Amino acid sequence: MSVGHPVKSSAKSSRNMFLQIKCDLKVVNSKNQALIQHFTQMSKRIIVTGGSGKTGRYIIEYLLAQGHQILNLDLVPLPVNLSQKVHTLRCDLTDGGQVYSALSSHFRLTEPFREPINDPPDAVLHLAGVARNMLVPDIETFRVNTLGAYNIIEASCRLGVKKIILASSVCVYGVTYAEGDVDFEAFPVDESHDLNPMDVYSLSKICAERTARSFATKFDVDIYALRIGAVVCPHEYNKLFHNYVNDVEKWKVHGWSYVDVQLLKEQCPNIPLTRTMGAREAPISNAKIKEVLGFEADYRWRDLYNGQDK
């Protein structure tokens, strides 16, 4: 994917942008490449939180290939192939003191330390948190996700970090973890749609977005919240692609991101279309990230499903 520079807003308006990037059927190797390639143009020292997770390790691998220095903040180590190249600093992101200290840290352990700490990181990519509902009790999901995001955003802004990226979720639209079968309000779904989820995970993501908007305005920094869809790793292609393509109803919770638009009226006859949609346009729109960062998909599910474009 090729990207451009982010759109700059005036000093009086928030630079916080809520971009939804559909990663459910784009391989994780290229997932967030619009964001990642943007980094390659403007930074060298990048802190990633939650880099040991399902998504983070692929992003770190890509950033390393571009020659960047990475510090991983996580509670668990990176895989061996990455741990030899990237230092993982064990950090509880719900502890504000630890976060401030970590964002001011050296990126690697040497004897003696040879790299001075004169400037803040060029960018912070915040992926860490409880990844979905029912991994821990709801109150813990809310505490970890909201407090962790707040601490990262506040410390980054106060330390002078100018580029902050948050991993939000398409779950904020309230369908994925709804109580019962709930419809989207209209198609295509974009960043202007109402957010009224019933579950704690999605609520925690909305809180993080609102926190980001406040700090972006106050400190005049660029903060991006990416509303990411379901993440599919390469080893999951065969199983998940076939399950989704062969059972269209399973796509609803992810907004049918890659179902031809003709099927929408069959599956959701009562949901209005706010405009005419293209024959293969995804119901959850990624128009904003295309406009802001020049996002283009390198990997398409049709190329991976049965090994041919359909």
C-alpha atoms as a PDB file:
ATOM      1  CA  MET A   1       0.000   0.000   0.000  1.00  0.00           C
ATOM      2  CA  SER A   2       1.166   3.521  -0.655  1.00  0.00           C
ATOM      3  CA  VAL A   3       0.263   6.388   1.603  1.00  0.00           C
ATOM      4  CA  GLY A   4       0.384  10.128   1.731  1.00  0.00           C
ATOM      5  CA  HIS A   5       0.940  12.429   4.650  1.00  0.00           C
ATOM      6  CA  PRO A   6      -1.915  12.877   7.123  1.00  0.00           C
ATOM      7  CA  VAL A   7      -4.243  15.783   6.617  1.00  0.00           C
ATOM      8  CA  LYS A   8      -3.316  18.665   8.899  1.00  0.00           C
ATOM      9  CA  SER A   9      -6.113  20.496  10.628  1.00  0.00           C
ATOM     10  CA  SER A  10      -6.028  24.028  11.930  1.00  0.00           C
ATOM     11  CA  ALA A  11      -4.669  24.733  15.380  1.00  0.00           C
ATOM     12  CA  LYS A  12      -8.171  25.361  16.681  1.00  0.00           C
ATOM     13  CA  SER A  13      -9.533  21.986  15.636  1.00  0.00           C
ATOM     14  CA  SER A  14      -8.697  18.538  16.904  1.00  0.00           C
ATOM     15  CA  ARG A  15      -6.237  16.516  14.882  1.00  0.00           C
ATOM     16  CA  ASN A  16      -7.613  13.348  16.336  1.00  0.00           C
ATOM     17  CA  MET A  17      -8.963  11.238  13.478  1.00  0.00           C
ATOM     18  CA  PHE A  18     -11.072   8.140  13.836  1.00  0.00           C
ATOM     19  CA  LEU A  19     -10.163   5.908  10.919  1.00  0.00           C
ATOM     20  CA  GLN A  20     -11.574   2.471  10.435  1.00  0.00           C
ATOM     21  CA  ILE A  21      -9.275   0.019   8.741  1.00  0.00           C
ATOM     22  CA  LYS A  22     -10.739  -3.346   7.803  1.00  0.00           C
ATOM     23  CA  CYS A  23      -8.119  -5.895   8.715  1.00  0.00           C
ATOM     24  CA  ASP A  24     -10.319  -8.941   9.003  1.00  0.00           C
ATOM     25  CA  LEU A  25      -9.400 -10.307   5.583  1.00  0.00           C
ATOM     26  CA  LYS A  26      -6.199  -8.487   4.772  1.00  0.00           C
ATOM     27  CA  VAL A  27      -3.210 -10.480   5.900  1.00  0.00           C
ATOM     28  CA  VAL A  28      -1.661  -9.302   9.102  1.00  0.00           C
ATOM     29  CA  ASN A  29       1.708  -8.979   7.351  1.00  0.00           C
ATOM     30  CA  SER A  30       0.253  -5.999   5.512  1.00  0.00           C
ATOM     31  CA  LYS A  31      -2.276  -5.005   8.161  1.00  0.00           C
ATOM     32  CA  ASN A  32      -1.973  -1.335   9.048  1.00  0.00           C
ATOM     33  CA  GLN A  33       0.625  -0.814   6.313  1.00  0.00           C
ATOM     34  CA  ALA A  34      -0.884   2.576   5.586  1.00  0.00           C
ATOM     35  CA  LEU A  35       0.007   3.517   9.125  1.00  0.00           C
ATOM     36  CA  ILE A  36       3.329   1.674   9.089  1.00  0.00           C
ATOM     37  CA  GLN A  37       4.554   3.160   5.831  1.00  0.00           C
ATOM     38  CA  HIS A  38       3.582   6.575   7.130  1.00  0.00           C
ATOM     39  CA  PHE A  39       5.937   5.916  10.041  1.00  0.00           C
ATOM     40  CA  THR A  40       8.803   5.083   7.684  1.00  0.00           C
ATOM     41  CA  GLN A  41       8.645   8.591   6.257  1.00  0.00           C
ATOM     42  CA  MET A  42       8.807  10.468   9.521  1.00  0.00           C
ATOM     43  CA  SER A  43      10.299   8.520  12.415  1.00  0.00           C
ATOM     44  CA  LYS A  44      13.109   6.354  13.642  1.00  0.00           C
ATOM     45  CA  ARG A  45      12.326   5.629  17.299  1.00  0.00           C
ATOM     46  CA  ILE A  46       8.936   3.994  17.817  1.00  0.00           C
ATOM     47  CA  ILE A  47       7.421   2.586  20.992  1.00  0.00           C
ATOM     48  CA  VAL A  48       4.867  -0.188  20.508  1.00  0.00           C
ATOM     49  CA  THR A  49       2.649  -1.291  23.378  1.00  0.00           C
ATOM     50  CA  GLY A  50       1.348  -4.840  23.232  1.00  0.00           C
ATOM     51  CA  GLY A  51       3.879  -5.726  20.566  1.00  0.00           C
ATOM     52  CA  SER A  52       4.033  -9.340  21.721  1.00  0.00           C
ATOM     53  CA  GLY A  53       0.401  -9.905  20.760  1.00  0.00           C
ATOM     54  CA  LYS A  54      -1.252 -11.319  17.669  1.00  0.00           C
ATOM     55  CA  THR A  55      -1.090  -8.066  15.739  1.00  0.00           C
ATOM     56  CA  GLY A  56       1.903  -6.356  17.273  1.00  0.00           C
ATOM     57  CA  ARG A  57       4.535  -8.903  16.349  1.00  0.00           C
ATOM     58  CA  TYR A  58       3.759  -8.506  12.640  1.00  0.00           C
ATOM     59  CA  ILE A  59       3.886  -4.732  12.873  1.00  0.00           C
ATOM     60  CA  ILE A  60       7.203  -4.846  14.736  1.00  0.00           C
ATOM     61  CA  GLU A  61       8.642  -7.219  12.151  1.00  0.00           C
ATOM     62  CA  TYR A  62       7.702  -4.820   9.378  1.00  0.00           C
ATOM     63  CA  LEU A  63       9.035  -1.755  11.173  1.00  0.00           C
ATOM     64  CA  LEU A  64      12.342  -3.489  11.796  1.00  0.00           C
ATOM     65  CA  ALA A  65      12.625  -4.250   8.099  1.00  0.00           C
ATOM     66  CA  GLN A  66      12.357  -0.502   7.468  1.00  0.00           C
ATOM     67  CA  GLY A  67      15.327   0.165   9.746  1.00  0.00           C
ATOM     68  CA  HIS A  68      13.502   1.637  12.732  1.00  0.00           C
ATOM     69  CA  GLN A  69      14.403   1.293  16.389  1.00  0.00           C
ATOM     70  CA  ILE A  70      11.594  -0.322  18.369  1.00  0.00           C
ATOM     71  CA  LEU A  71      10.901  -0.613  22.084  1.00  0.00           C
ATOM     72  CA  ASN A  72       8.139  -3.035  23.038  1.00  0.00           C
ATOM     73  CA  LEU A  73       6.085  -2.418  26.188  1.00  0.00           C
ATOM     74  CA  ASP A  74       4.342  -5.620  27.222  1.00  0.00           C
ATOM     75  CA  LEU A  75       3.836  -8.058  30.072  1.00  0.00           C
ATOM     76  CA  VAL A  76       4.989 -11.020  28.003  1.00  0.00           C
ATOM     77  CA  PRO A  77       8.110 -11.432  25.842  1.00  0.00           C
ATOM     78  CA  LEU A  78       8.292 -11.325  22.077  1.00  0.00           C
ATOM     79  CA  PRO A  79       8.825 -14.505  20.052  1.00  0.00           C
ATOM     80  CA  VAL A  80      12.463 -15.562  19.950  1.00  0.00           C
ATOM     81  CA  ASN A  81      13.033 -14.350  16.395  1.00  0.00           C
ATOM     82  CA  LEU A  82      12.039 -10.817  17.439  1.00  0.00           C
ATOM     83  CA  SER A  83      13.309 -10.761  21.015  1.00  0.00           C
ATOM     84  CA  GLN A  84      16.873 -10.852  19.706  1.00  0.00           C
ATOM     85  CA  LYS A  85      16.242  -7.602  17.833  1.00  0.00           C
ATOM     86  CA  VAL A  86      13.778  -5.718  20.046  1.00  0.00           C
ATOM     87  CA  HIS A  87      13.906  -5.144  23.783  1.00  0.00           C
ATOM     88  CA  THR A  88      10.688  -5.789  25.690  1.00  0.00           C
ATOM     89  CA  LEU A  89      10.266  -3.621  28.761  1.00  0.00           C
ATOM     90  CA  ARG A  90       7.837  -5.226  31.170  1.00  0.00           C
ATOM     91  CA  CYS A  91       5.369  -2.469  31.955  1.00  0.00           C
ATOM     92  CA  ASP A  92       1.965  -2.240  33.618  1.00  0.00           C
ATOM     93  CA  LEU A  93       0.216   0.390  31.532  1.00  0.00           C
ATOM     94  CA  THR A  94      -2.409   0.980  34.212  1.00  0.00           C
ATOM     95  CA  ASP A  95       0.354   2.460  36.394  1.00  0.00           C
ATOM     96  CA  GLY A  96       0.945   6.030  35.268  1.00  0.00           C
ATOM     97  CA  GLY A  97       4.388   6.195  36.842  1.00  0.00           C
ATOM     98  CA  GLN A  98       5.556   3.113  34.981  1.00  0.00           C
ATOM     99  CA  VAL A  99       4.250   4.517  31.707  1.00  0.00           C
ATOM    100  CA  TYR A 100       6.055   7.849  32.127  1.00  0.00           C
ATOM    101  CA  SER A 101       9.273   6.027  32.960  1.00  0.00           C
ATOM    102  CA  ALA A 102       8.918   3.581  30.060  1.00  0.00           C
ATOM    103  CA  LEU A 103       8.311   6.310  27.487  1.00  0.00           C
ATOM    104  CA  SER A 104      11.493   8.003  28.710  1.00  0.00           C
ATOM    105  CA  SER A 105      13.561   4.825  28.575  1.00  0.00           C
ATOM    106  CA  HIS A 106      16.505   3.645  26.521  1.00  0.00           C
ATOM    107  CA  PHE A 107      15.471   1.413  23.644  1.00  0.00           C
ATOM    108  CA  ARG A 108      18.077  -1.253  24.301  1.00  0.00           C
ATOM    109  CA  LEU A 109      20.280  -2.548  27.082  1.00  0.00           C
ATOM    110  CA  THR A 110      24.001  -2.014  26.535  1.00  0.00           C
ATOM    111  CA  GLU A 111      26.984  -1.869  28.869  1.00  0.00           C
ATOM    112  CA  PRO A 112      27.436   1.053  29.139  1.00  0.00           C
ATOM    113  CA  PHE A 113      24.401   2.861  27.689  1.00  0.00           C
ATOM    114  CA  ARG A 114      25.696   4.500  24.520  1.00  0.00           C
ATOM    115  CA  GLU A 115      22.622   6.264  23.219  1.00  0.00           C
ATOM    116  CA  PRO A 116      21.599   9.420  25.104  1.00  0.00           C
ATOM    117  CA  ILE A 117      17.953  10.054  25.879  1.00  0.00           C
ATOM    118  CA  ASN A 118      17.546  13.606  24.655  1.00  0.00           C
ATOM    119  CA  ASP A 119      14.299  13.483  22.728  1.00  0.00           C
ATOM    120  CA  PRO A 120      10.944  11.737  23.124  1.00  0.00           C
ATOM    121  CA  PRO A 121      10.044   8.837  20.825  1.00  0.00           C
ATOM    122  CA  ASP A 122       9.006   9.854  17.340  1.00  0.00           C
ATOM    123  CA  ALA A 123       5.794   7.858  17.601  1.00  0.00           C
ATOM    124  CA  VAL A 124       3.827   5.642  19.969  1.00  0.00           C
ATOM    125  CA  LEU A 125       1.637   2.818  18.681  1.00  0.00           C
ATOM    126  CA  HIS A 126      -0.765   1.642  21.393  1.00  0.00           C
ATOM    127  CA  LEU A 127      -2.018  -1.907  20.785  1.00  0.00           C
ATOM    128  CA  ALA A 128      -2.024  -3.249  24.346  1.00  0.00           C
ATOM    129  CA  GLY A 129      -5.130  -4.081  26.334  1.00  0.00           C
ATOM    130  CA  VAL A 130      -7.709  -6.753  26.962  1.00  0.00           C
ATOM    131  CA  ALA A 131      -8.442  -8.019  23.453  1.00  0.00           C
ATOM    132  CA  ARG A 132     -12.134  -8.883  23.804  1.00  0.00           C
ATOM    133  CA  ASN A 133     -14.949  -9.526  26.247  1.00  0.00           C
ATOM    134  CA  MET A 134     -14.915 -12.384  28.773  1.00  0.00           C
ATOM    135  CA  LEU A 135     -11.164 -12.827  29.047  1.00  0.00           C
ATOM    136  CA  VAL A 136     -11.392 -11.208  32.477  1.00  0.00           C
ATOM    137  CA  PRO A 137     -14.377  -9.787  34.417  1.00  0.00           C
ATOM    138  CA  ASP A 138     -15.983  -6.759  32.772  1.00  0.00           C
ATOM    139  CA  ILE A 139     -14.759  -4.284  35.373  1.00  0.00           C
ATOM    140  CA  GLU A 140     -11.174  -5.402  34.748  1.00  0.00           C
ATOM    141  CA  THR A 141     -11.576  -5.068  30.976  1.00  0.00           C
ATOM    142  CA  PHE A 142     -12.809  -1.512  31.459  1.00  0.00           C
ATOM    143  CA  ARG A 143     -10.091  -0.629  33.968  1.00  0.00           C
ATOM    144  CA  VAL A 144      -7.202  -1.994  31.919  1.00  0.00           C
ATOM    145  CA  ASN A 145      -8.309  -0.615  28.561  1.00  0.00           C
ATOM    146  CA  THR A 146      -9.411   2.855  29.637  1.00  0.00           C
ATOM    147  CA  LEU A 147      -6.680   3.529  32.179  1.00  0.00           C
ATOM    148  CA  GLY A 148      -3.980   2.085  29.939  1.00  0.00           C
ATOM    149  CA  ALA A 149      -5.052   4.260  27.018  1.00  0.00           C
ATOM    150  CA  TYR A 150      -5.307   7.350  29.218  1.00  0.00           C
ATOM    151  CA  ASN A 151      -1.839   6.851  30.675  1.00  0.00           C
ATOM    152  CA  ILE A 152      -0.249   6.279  27.270  1.00  0.00           C
ATOM    153  CA  ILE A 153      -1.955   9.306  25.721  1.00  0.00           C
ATOM    154  CA  GLU A 154      -1.242  11.647  28.625  1.00  0.00           C
ATOM    155  CA  ALA A 155       2.398  10.639  29.030  1.00  0.00           C
ATOM    156  CA  SER A 156       3.017  10.806  25.282  1.00  0.00           C
ATOM    157  CA  CYS A 157       1.537  14.292  25.018  1.00  0.00           C
ATOM    158  CA  ARG A 158       3.327  15.664  28.064  1.00  0.00           C
ATOM    159  CA  LEU A 159       6.655  14.203  26.951  1.00  0.00           C
ATOM    160  CA  GLY A 160       6.332  15.765  23.509  1.00  0.00           C
ATOM    161  CA  VAL A 161       5.462  12.773  21.314  1.00  0.00           C
ATOM    162  CA  LYS A 162       3.800  14.161  18.192  1.00  0.00           C
ATOM    163  CA  LYS A 163       2.381  11.002  16.595  1.00  0.00           C
ATOM    164  CA  ILE A 164       0.164   8.652  18.604  1.00  0.00           C
ATOM    165  CA  ILE A 165      -1.783   5.733  17.135  1.00  0.00           C
ATOM    166  CA  LEU A 166      -4.509   3.850  19.004  1.00  0.00           C
ATOM    167  CA  ALA A 167      -5.964   0.462  18.141  1.00  0.00           C
ATOM    168  CA  SER A 168      -9.715   0.949  18.389  1.00  0.00           C
ATOM    169  CA  SER A 169     -12.288  -1.472  16.949  1.00  0.00           C
ATOM    170  CA  VAL A 170     -15.300  -1.766  14.662  1.00  0.00           C
ATOM    171  CA  CYS A 171     -16.993  -3.214  17.739  1.00  0.00           C
ATOM    172  CA  VAL A 172     -17.811   0.372  18.765  1.00  0.00           C
ATOM    173  CA  TYR A 173     -20.762   0.282  16.337  1.00  0.00           C
ATOM    174  CA  GLY A 174     -22.503  -2.049  18.761  1.00  0.00           C
ATOM    175  CA  VAL A 175     -23.221  -5.132  16.638  1.00  0.00           C
ATOM    176  CA  THR A 176     -20.328  -7.500  17.335  1.00  0.00           C
ATOM    177  CA  TYR A 177     -21.064  -8.004  21.034  1.00  0.00           C
ATOM    178  CA  ALA A 178     -24.695  -6.896  21.131  1.00  0.00           C
ATOM    179  CA  GLU A 179     -27.261  -8.500  23.408  1.00  0.00           C
ATOM    180  CA  GLY A 180     -29.077 -10.442  20.723  1.00  0.00           C
ATOM    181  CA  ASP A 181     -29.298  -9.779  17.001  1.00  0.00           C
ATOM    182  CA  VAL A 182     -28.833  -6.054  16.368  1.00  0.00           C
ATOM    183  CA  ASP A 183     -28.695  -4.396  12.948  1.00  0.00           C
ATOM    184  CA  PHE A 184     -26.410  -1.629  11.756  1.00  0.00           C
ATOM    185  CA  GLU A 185     -28.310   1.641  11.402  1.00  0.00           C
ATOM    186  CA  ALA A 186     -27.418   2.061   7.714  1.00  0.00           C
ATOM    187  CA  PHE A 187     -24.869   1.165   5.058  1.00  0.00           C
ATOM    188  CA  PRO A 188     -22.161   2.051   4.364  1.00  0.00           C
ATOM    189  CA  VAL A 189     -20.976   2.302   7.952  1.00  0.00           C
ATOM    190  CA  ASP A 190     -18.551   5.189   8.408  1.00  0.00           C
ATOM    191  CA  GLU A 191     -17.066   7.267  11.213  1.00  0.00           C
ATOM    192  CA  SER A 192     -20.155   9.480  11.438  1.00  0.00           C
ATOM    193  CA  HIS A 193     -22.418   6.662  12.636  1.00  0.00           C
ATOM    194  CA  ASP A 194     -23.828   6.670  16.145  1.00  0.00           C
ATOM    195  CA  LEU A 195     -21.909   4.647  18.724  1.00  0.00           C
ATOM    196  CA  ASN A 196     -24.024   2.918  21.344  1.00  0.00           C
ATOM    197  CA  PRO A 197     -22.554  -0.496  22.193  1.00  0.00           C
ATOM    198  CA  MET A 198     -23.873  -2.648  25.024  1.00  0.00           C
ATOM    199  CA  ASP A 199     -20.632  -4.405  25.951  1.00  0.00           C
ATOM    200  CA  VAL A 200     -17.719  -3.274  28.083  1.00  0.00           C
ATOM    201  CA  TYR A 201     -14.963  -3.955  25.545  1.00  0.00           C
ATOM    202  CA  SER A 202     -16.519  -1.672  22.945  1.00  0.00           C
ATOM    203  CA  LEU A 203     -17.318   0.932  25.589  1.00  0.00           C
ATOM    204  CA  SER A 204     -13.670   0.961  26.669  1.00  0.00           C
ATOM    205  CA  LYS A 205     -12.627   1.641  23.076  1.00  0.00           C
ATOM    206  CA  ILE A 206     -15.007   4.595  22.834  1.00  0.00           C
ATOM    207  CA  CYS A 207     -13.568   6.000  26.065  1.00  0.00           C
ATOM    208  CA  ALA A 208     -10.073   5.746  24.587  1.00  0.00           C
ATOM    209  CA  GLU A 209     -11.187   7.563  21.431  1.00  0.00           C
ATOM    210  CA  ARG A 210     -12.774  10.372  23.440  1.00  0.00           C
ATOM    211  CA  THR A 211      -9.659  10.677  25.593  1.00  0.00           C
ATOM    212  CA  ALA A 212      -7.545  10.902  22.453  1.00  0.00           C
ATOM    213  CA  ARG A 213      -9.703  13.645  21.007  1.00  0.00           C
ATOM    214  CA  SER A 214      -9.433  15.714  24.170  1.00  0.00           C
ATOM    215  CA  PHE A 215      -5.642  15.453  24.377  1.00  0.00           C
ATOM    216  CA  ALA A 216      -5.200  16.012  20.635  1.00  0.00           C
ATOM    217  CA  THR A 217      -7.008  19.329  20.953  1.00  0.00           C
ATOM    218  CA  LYS A 218      -5.267  20.368  24.159  1.00  0.00           C
ATOM    219  CA  PHE A 219      -1.713  19.531  23.070  1.00  0.00           C
ATOM    220  CA  ASP A 220      -2.065  20.079  19.301  1.00  0.00           C
ATOM    221  CA  VAL A 221      -0.709  16.638  18.414  1.00  0.00           C
ATOM    222  CA  ASP A 222      -1.701  14.074  15.804  1.00  0.00           C
ATOM    223  CA  ILE A 223      -3.624  11.174  17.315  1.00  0.00           C
ATOM    224  CA  TYR A 224      -5.217   8.498  15.146  1.00  0.00           C
ATOM    225  CA  ALA A 225      -7.711   5.883  16.302  1.00  0.00           C
ATOM    226  CA  LEU A 226      -7.973   2.957  13.886  1.00  0.00           C
ATOM    227  CA  ARG A 227     -11.257   1.067  14.095  1.00  0.00           C
ATOM    228  CA  ILE A 228      -9.835  -2.322  13.245  1.00  0.00           C
ATOM    229  CA  GLY A 229     -11.911  -5.304  12.167  1.00  0.00           C
ATOM    230  CA  ALA A 230     -11.255  -8.939  13.014  1.00  0.00           C
ATOM    231  CA  VAL A 231      -7.598  -9.857  12.592  1.00  0.00           C
ATOM    232  CA  VAL A 232      -6.746 -12.947  10.559  1.00  0.00           C
ATOM    233  CA  CYS A 233      -3.213 -14.366  10.610  1.00  0.00           C
ATOM    234  CA  PRO A 234      -1.703 -16.247   7.660  1.00  0.00           C
ATOM    235  CA  HIS A 235      -2.111 -19.648   9.302  1.00  0.00           C
ATOM    236  CA  GLU A 236      -5.843 -18.959   9.680  1.00  0.00           C
ATOM    237  CA  TYR A 237      -6.574 -18.177   6.031  1.00  0.00           C
ATOM    238  CA  ASN A 238      -7.895 -21.525   4.883  1.00  0.00           C
ATOM    239  CA  LYS A 239     -10.206 -22.120   7.812  1.00  0.00           C
ATOM    240  CA  LEU A 240     -11.590 -18.624   8.345  1.00  0.00           C
ATOM    241  CA  PHE A 241     -11.887 -17.564   4.721  1.00  0.00           C
ATOM    242  CA  HIS A 242     -13.857 -20.649   3.811  1.00  0.00           C
ATOM    243  CA  ASN A 243     -16.043 -20.457   6.908  1.00  0.00           C
ATOM    244  CA  TYR A 244     -16.952 -16.836   6.241  1.00  0.00           C
ATOM    245  CA  VAL A 245     -17.405 -17.069   2.489  1.00  0.00           C
ATOM    246  CA  ASN A 246     -19.507 -20.215   2.715  1.00  0.00           C
ATOM    247  CA  ASP A 247     -21.701 -18.948   5.569  1.00  0.00           C
ATOM    248  CA  VAL A 248     -22.574 -15.311   4.911  1.00  0.00           C
ATOM    249  CA  GLU A 249     -24.508 -14.861   8.163  1.00  0.00           C
ATOM    250  CA  LYS A 250     -21.273 -15.212  10.140  1.00  0.00           C
ATOM    251  CA  TRP A 251     -20.040 -11.989   8.569  1.00  0.00           C
ATOM    252  CA  LYS A 252     -22.618  -9.790  10.245  1.00  0.00           C
ATOM    253  CA  VAL A 253     -20.666  -9.162  13.437  1.00  0.00           C
ATOM    254  CA  HIS A 254     -17.780  -7.830  11.333  1.00  0.00           C
ATOM    255  CA  GLY A 255     -19.997  -5.803   9.025  1.00  0.00           C
ATOM    256  CA  TRP A 256     -19.684  -8.101   6.014  1.00  0.00           C
ATOM    257  CA  SER A 257     -16.457  -6.357   5.199  1.00  0.00           C
ATOM    258  CA  TYR A 258     -15.865  -8.417   2.059  1.00  0.00           C
ATOM    259  CA  VAL A 259     -19.278  -9.549   0.861  1.00  0.00           C
ATOM    260  CA  ASP A 260     -20.552  -8.185  -2.442  1.00  0.00           C
ATOM    261  CA  VAL A 261     -23.035  -5.396  -1.903  1.00  0.00           C
ATOM    262  CA  GLN A 262     -25.793  -7.284  -3.741  1.00  0.00           C
ATOM    263  CA  LEU A 263     -26.035  -9.617  -0.752  1.00  0.00           C
ATOM    264  CA  LEU A 264     -26.806  -6.796   1.667  1.00  0.00           C
ATOM    265  CA  LYS A 265     -30.457  -6.522   0.748  1.00  0.00           C
ATOM    266  CA  GLU A 266     -30.862 -10.277   1.134  1.00  0.00           C
ATOM    267  CA  GLN A 267     -29.237 -10.378   4.561  1.00  0.00           C
ATOM    268  CA  CYS A 268     -30.439  -6.971   5.858  1.00  0.00           C
ATOM    269  CA  PRO A 269     -33.610  -6.038   3.996  1.00  0.00           C
ATOM    270  CA  ASN A 270     -34.619  -3.427   6.590  1.00  0.00           C
ATOM    271  CA  ILE A 271     -31.334  -1.513   6.762  1.00  0.00           C
ATOM    272  CA  PRO A 272     -31.312   1.579   4.513  1.00  0.00           C
ATOM    273  CA  LEU A 273     -28.501   2.497   2.139  1.00  0.00           C
ATOM    274  CA  THR A 274     -27.464   6.130   2.542  1.00  0.00           C
ATOM    275  CA  ARG A 275     -26.046   6.218  -0.990  1.00  0.00           C
ATOM    276  CA  THR A 276     -25.504   3.990  -3.989  1.00  0.00           C
ATOM    277  CA  MET A 277     -22.758   1.494  -3.236  1.00  0.00           C
ATOM    278  CA  GLY A 278     -20.313  -0.099  -5.638  1.00  0.00           C
ATOM    279  CA  ALA A 279     -20.751  -3.724  -6.646  1.00  0.00           C
ATOM    280  CA  ARG A 280     -17.854  -4.868  -4.463  1.00  0.00           C
ATOM    281  CA  GLU A 281     -17.799  -2.061  -1.921  1.00  0.00           C
ATOM    282  CA  ALA A 282     -17.489  -3.179   1.687  1.00  0.00           C
ATOM    283  CA  PRO A 283     -20.421  -2.297   3.971  1.00  0.00           C
ATOM    284  CA  ILE A 284     -17.984  -0.893   6.542  1.00  0.00           C
ATOM    285  CA  SER A 285     -16.329   1.988   4.742  1.00  0.00           C
ATOM    286  CA  ASN A 286     -12.580   2.579   4.741  1.00  0.00           C
ATOM    287  CA  ALA A 287     -12.892   5.719   2.623  1.00  0.00           C
ATOM    288  CA  LYS A 288     -11.436   7.966   5.308  1.00  0.00           C
ATOM    289  CA  ILE A 289      -8.173   6.081   5.707  1.00  0.00           C
ATOM    290  CA  LYS A 290      -7.823   6.018   1.931  1.00  0.00           C
ATOM    291  CA  GLU A 291      -8.305   9.777   1.841  1.00  0.00           C
ATOM    292  CA  VAL A 292      -6.028  10.568   4.787  1.00  0.00           C
ATOM    293  CA  LEU A 293      -3.230   8.031   4.327  1.00  0.00           C
ATOM    294  CA  GLY A 294      -3.698   6.803   0.769  1.00  0.00           C
ATOM    295  CA  PHE A 295      -4.523   3.293   1.978  1.00  0.00           C
ATOM    296  CA  GLU A 296      -4.664   0.513  -0.620  1.00  0.00           C
ATOM    297  CA  ALA A 297      -4.951  -3.214  -0.014  1.00  0.00           C
ATOM    298  CA  ASP A 298      -1.936  -5.300  -0.972  1.00  0.00           C
ATOM    299  CA  TYR A 299      -3.675  -8.583  -0.184  1.00  0.00           C
ATOM    300  CA  ARG A 300      -7.275  -9.324  -1.120  1.00  0.00           C
ATOM    301  CA  TRP A 301      -9.386 -12.169   0.133  1.00  0.00           C
ATOM    302  CA  ARG A 302     -10.429 -13.136  -3.384  1.00  0.00           C
ATOM    303  CA  ASP A 303      -6.787 -13.784  -4.224  1.00  0.00           C
ATOM    304  CA  LEU A 304      -6.426 -16.034  -1.197  1.00  0.00           C
ATOM    305  CA  TYR A 305      -9.750 -17.854  -1.362  1.00  0.00           C
ATOM    306  CA  ASN A 306      -9.111 -20.946  -3.490  1.00  0.00           C
ATOM    307  CA  GLY A 307      -5.954 -19.271  -4.767  1.00  0.00           C
ATOM    308  CA  GLN A 308      -7.666 -17.203  -7.450  1.00  0.00           C
ATOM    309  CA  ASP A 309      -9.405 -13.894  -7.932  1.00  0.00           C
ATOM    310  CA  LYS A 310     -13.187 -14.247  -8.023  1.00  0.00           C
END
